[in-house]
Amino acid sequence: MNKHDTPIRVDHVGIAVESIENAEPVLFALGCERLTVESVEDRFRWAYYSLGDASRLELIEPIADDTFLTDFLDQYGPGLHHVTLEVADIDAVIESLRENDIRVIDRAEFDTWSEAFVSPRNPTGTLFQLMKYHDDYHEKRLPPQELFINESRVGEQFQR
């Protein structure tokens, strides 16, 4: 049962692949446009794609031999890895999940966002990433219209 009134939206869906280069023609054929490609400490690389007017997909490939992503691909093969939900109040959502006996793991704070993960050992079998953007997130990233619905973070449209 939802015990919070925090606005939430799907930010993107992450898809684990062996190779972005080999996988992205599928997204292009669907009508996606590549927004960015970035790497994390030579461990893995991700590419974001826009689809339509508000949807985004992410391809994630390992670039090291010993990452969570190589383990995932070895066990499950390419496919859905996670669903990222942008939340206006990450603490309220985490509290609601825990009150409903849903395990939250790996909370972390970064310069421009906070995140936590809902363990995939839940009845959906899905790894959910909860993400709260900090105020300066868009200053270091893509233009706001590429990152947020109606050019604002989730929740801002309800505060107007």
Protein backbone atom coordinates (compact mmCIF):
# COMPACT_ATOMS: atom_id res chain seq x y z
CA MET A 1 0.00 0.00 0.00
CA ASN A 2 1.31 3.48 -0.93
CA LYS A 3 1.93 5.45 2.22
CA HIS A 4 3.40 8.55 0.62
CA ASP A 5 2.25 11.29 -1.72
CA THR A 6 5.59 11.65 -3.48
CA PRO A 7 5.43 12.17 -7.24
CA ILE A 8 7.22 9.38 -9.14
CA ARG A 9 7.80 8.74 -12.83
CA VAL A 10 9.73 6.24 -14.91
CA ASP A 11 13.00 7.97 -15.80
CA HIS A 12 14.38 5.20 -18.00
CA VAL A 13 14.61 1.46 -18.52
CA GLY A 14 18.11 -0.05 -18.42
CA ILE A 15 18.95 -2.91 -20.76
CA ALA A 16 22.12 -4.97 -20.25
CA VAL A 17 23.94 -5.81 -23.50
CA GLU A 18 27.25 -7.29 -24.53
CA SER A 19 27.83 -4.41 -26.97
CA ILE A 20 26.11 -1.05 -27.34
CA GLU A 21 27.31 -0.87 -30.95
CA ASN A 22 25.63 -4.18 -31.80
CA ALA A 23 22.43 -3.45 -29.86
CA GLU A 24 21.65 0.13 -30.75
CA PRO A 25 20.44 -0.58 -34.33
CA VAL A 26 17.38 -2.15 -32.69
CA LEU A 27 16.70 1.10 -30.83
CA PHE A 28 17.31 3.17 -33.97
CA ALA A 29 14.84 0.97 -35.87
CA LEU A 30 12.28 1.70 -33.13
CA GLY A 31 12.82 5.42 -33.69
CA CYS A 32 15.15 6.19 -30.80
CA GLU A 33 17.70 8.98 -30.93
CA ARG A 34 21.00 8.67 -29.02
CA LEU A 35 21.41 11.37 -26.40
CA THR A 36 24.74 10.51 -24.77
CA VAL A 37 27.34 7.80 -24.15
CA GLU A 38 29.32 7.77 -20.90
CA SER A 39 31.69 5.45 -19.02
CA VAL A 40 32.18 4.74 -15.34
CA GLU A 41 35.83 4.24 -14.34
CA ASP A 42 36.52 1.88 -17.24
CA ARG A 43 34.08 -0.61 -15.67
CA PHE A 44 30.98 -0.16 -17.79
CA ARG A 45 29.54 2.20 -20.38
CA TRP A 46 25.98 3.35 -20.88
CA ALA A 47 24.16 5.12 -23.66
CA TYR A 48 20.88 6.99 -23.28
CA TYR A 49 18.28 7.17 -26.03
CA SER A 50 15.10 9.20 -26.31
CA LEU A 51 11.96 7.61 -27.68
CA GLY A 52 8.94 9.74 -28.46
CA ASP A 53 8.36 12.83 -26.38
CA ALA A 54 9.11 11.61 -22.86
CA SER A 55 10.55 8.09 -22.86
CA ARG A 56 14.17 7.08 -22.46
CA LEU A 57 15.99 3.79 -22.76
CA GLU A 58 19.51 2.98 -21.62
CA LEU A 59 21.89 0.36 -22.98
CA ILE A 60 24.61 -0.74 -20.56
CA GLU A 61 27.69 -2.73 -21.60
CA PRO A 62 30.62 -3.97 -19.52
CA ILE A 63 34.08 -2.73 -20.44
CA ALA A 64 35.85 -4.66 -17.66
CA ASP A 65 35.81 -8.37 -16.98
CA ASP A 66 34.69 -8.28 -13.34
CA THR A 67 31.64 -6.07 -12.89
CA PHE A 68 28.07 -6.50 -11.70
CA LEU A 69 27.17 -6.29 -15.37
CA THR A 70 29.41 -9.15 -16.52
CA ASP A 71 27.94 -11.28 -13.72
CA PHE A 72 24.43 -10.33 -14.80
CA LEU A 73 25.09 -11.10 -18.47
CA ASP A 74 26.76 -14.44 -17.59
CA GLN A 75 23.75 -15.47 -15.53
CA TYR A 76 20.83 -14.05 -17.54
CA GLY A 77 22.14 -12.91 -20.92
CA PRO A 78 21.14 -9.60 -22.51
CA GLY A 79 17.86 -8.07 -21.42
CA LEU A 80 16.07 -5.90 -18.91
CA HIS A 81 18.45 -4.94 -16.11
CA HIS A 82 16.58 -2.23 -14.17
CA VAL A 83 13.81 0.32 -14.18
CA THR A 84 14.83 3.76 -12.89
CA LEU A 85 12.17 5.76 -11.11
CA GLU A 86 12.68 9.46 -10.53
CA VAL A 87 11.26 10.36 -7.13
CA ALA A 88 10.62 13.76 -5.60
CA ASP A 89 11.34 12.51 -2.04
CA ILE A 90 13.59 9.44 -1.91
CA ASP A 91 13.35 9.14 1.89
CA ALA A 92 9.54 8.96 1.83
CA VAL A 93 9.59 6.27 -0.85
CA ILE A 94 12.24 4.22 0.96
CA GLU A 95 10.25 4.46 4.20
CA SER A 96 7.08 3.30 2.43
CA LEU A 97 8.91 0.35 0.87
CA ARG A 98 10.43 -0.70 4.18
CA GLU A 99 7.07 -0.39 5.95
CA ASN A 100 5.78 -2.86 3.37
CA ASP A 101 8.70 -5.27 4.01
CA ILE A 102 10.33 -4.53 0.65
CA ARG A 103 14.12 -4.56 0.84
CA VAL A 104 16.00 -1.40 -0.18
CA ILE A 105 19.71 -1.83 -0.90
CA ASP A 106 22.76 0.18 -1.95
CA ARG A 107 21.79 3.74 -1.03
CA ALA A 108 24.35 6.23 -2.36
CA GLU A 109 24.82 9.98 -2.67
CA PHE A 110 26.53 11.55 -5.67
CA ASP A 111 27.26 15.14 -6.60
CA THR A 112 24.10 15.59 -8.63
CA TRP A 113 21.74 12.81 -7.51
CA SER A 114 20.87 10.36 -4.74
CA GLU A 115 19.95 6.76 -5.45
CA ALA A 116 18.83 3.55 -3.82
CA PHE A 117 17.80 0.21 -5.24
CA VAL A 118 14.84 -2.04 -4.53
CA SER A 119 16.18 -5.57 -4.35
CA PRO A 120 15.01 -7.72 -7.27
CA ARG A 121 14.15 -10.34 -4.66
CA ASN A 122 10.64 -8.91 -4.58
CA PRO A 123 7.48 -10.35 -6.13
CA THR A 124 8.07 -8.49 -9.43
CA GLY A 125 11.61 -9.85 -9.83
CA THR A 126 12.63 -6.38 -11.02
CA LEU A 127 15.55 -4.27 -9.86
CA PHE A 128 14.19 -0.75 -9.36
CA GLN A 129 16.59 2.17 -9.07
CA LEU A 130 15.17 5.11 -7.13
CA MET A 131 16.75 8.39 -8.20
CA LYS A 132 16.36 11.89 -6.76
CA TYR A 133 18.02 14.58 -8.84
CA HIS A 134 19.73 17.40 -6.96
CA ASP A 135 19.13 20.99 -8.00
CA ASP A 136 22.31 21.22 -10.08
CA TYR A 137 21.83 17.94 -11.96
CA HIS A 138 20.78 19.55 -15.24
CA GLU A 139 23.64 22.06 -15.16
CA LYS A 140 26.15 19.29 -15.88
CA ARG A 141 24.01 17.17 -18.16
CA LEU A 142 21.77 17.40 -21.19
CA PRO A 143 19.34 20.28 -21.71
CA PRO A 144 16.39 20.07 -19.28
CA GLN A 145 13.88 19.16 -21.99
CA GLU A 146 15.92 16.00 -22.61
CA LEU A 147 16.02 15.00 -18.95
CA PHE A 148 12.72 15.90 -17.36
CA ILE A 149 9.06 15.85 -18.20
CA ASN A 150 7.85 19.34 -19.14
CA GLU A 151 11.39 20.65 -18.46
CA SER A 152 11.20 20.13 -14.69
CA ARG A 153 12.10 17.43 -12.22
CA VAL A 154 9.28 15.23 -11.05
CA GLY A 155 7.30 17.02 -8.35
CA GLU A 156 8.09 20.54 -9.53
CA GLN A 157 5.04 20.63 -11.78
CA PHE A 158 2.89 19.93 -8.70
CA GLN A 159 4.43 22.85 -6.76
CA ARG A 160 3.39 25.50 -9.27
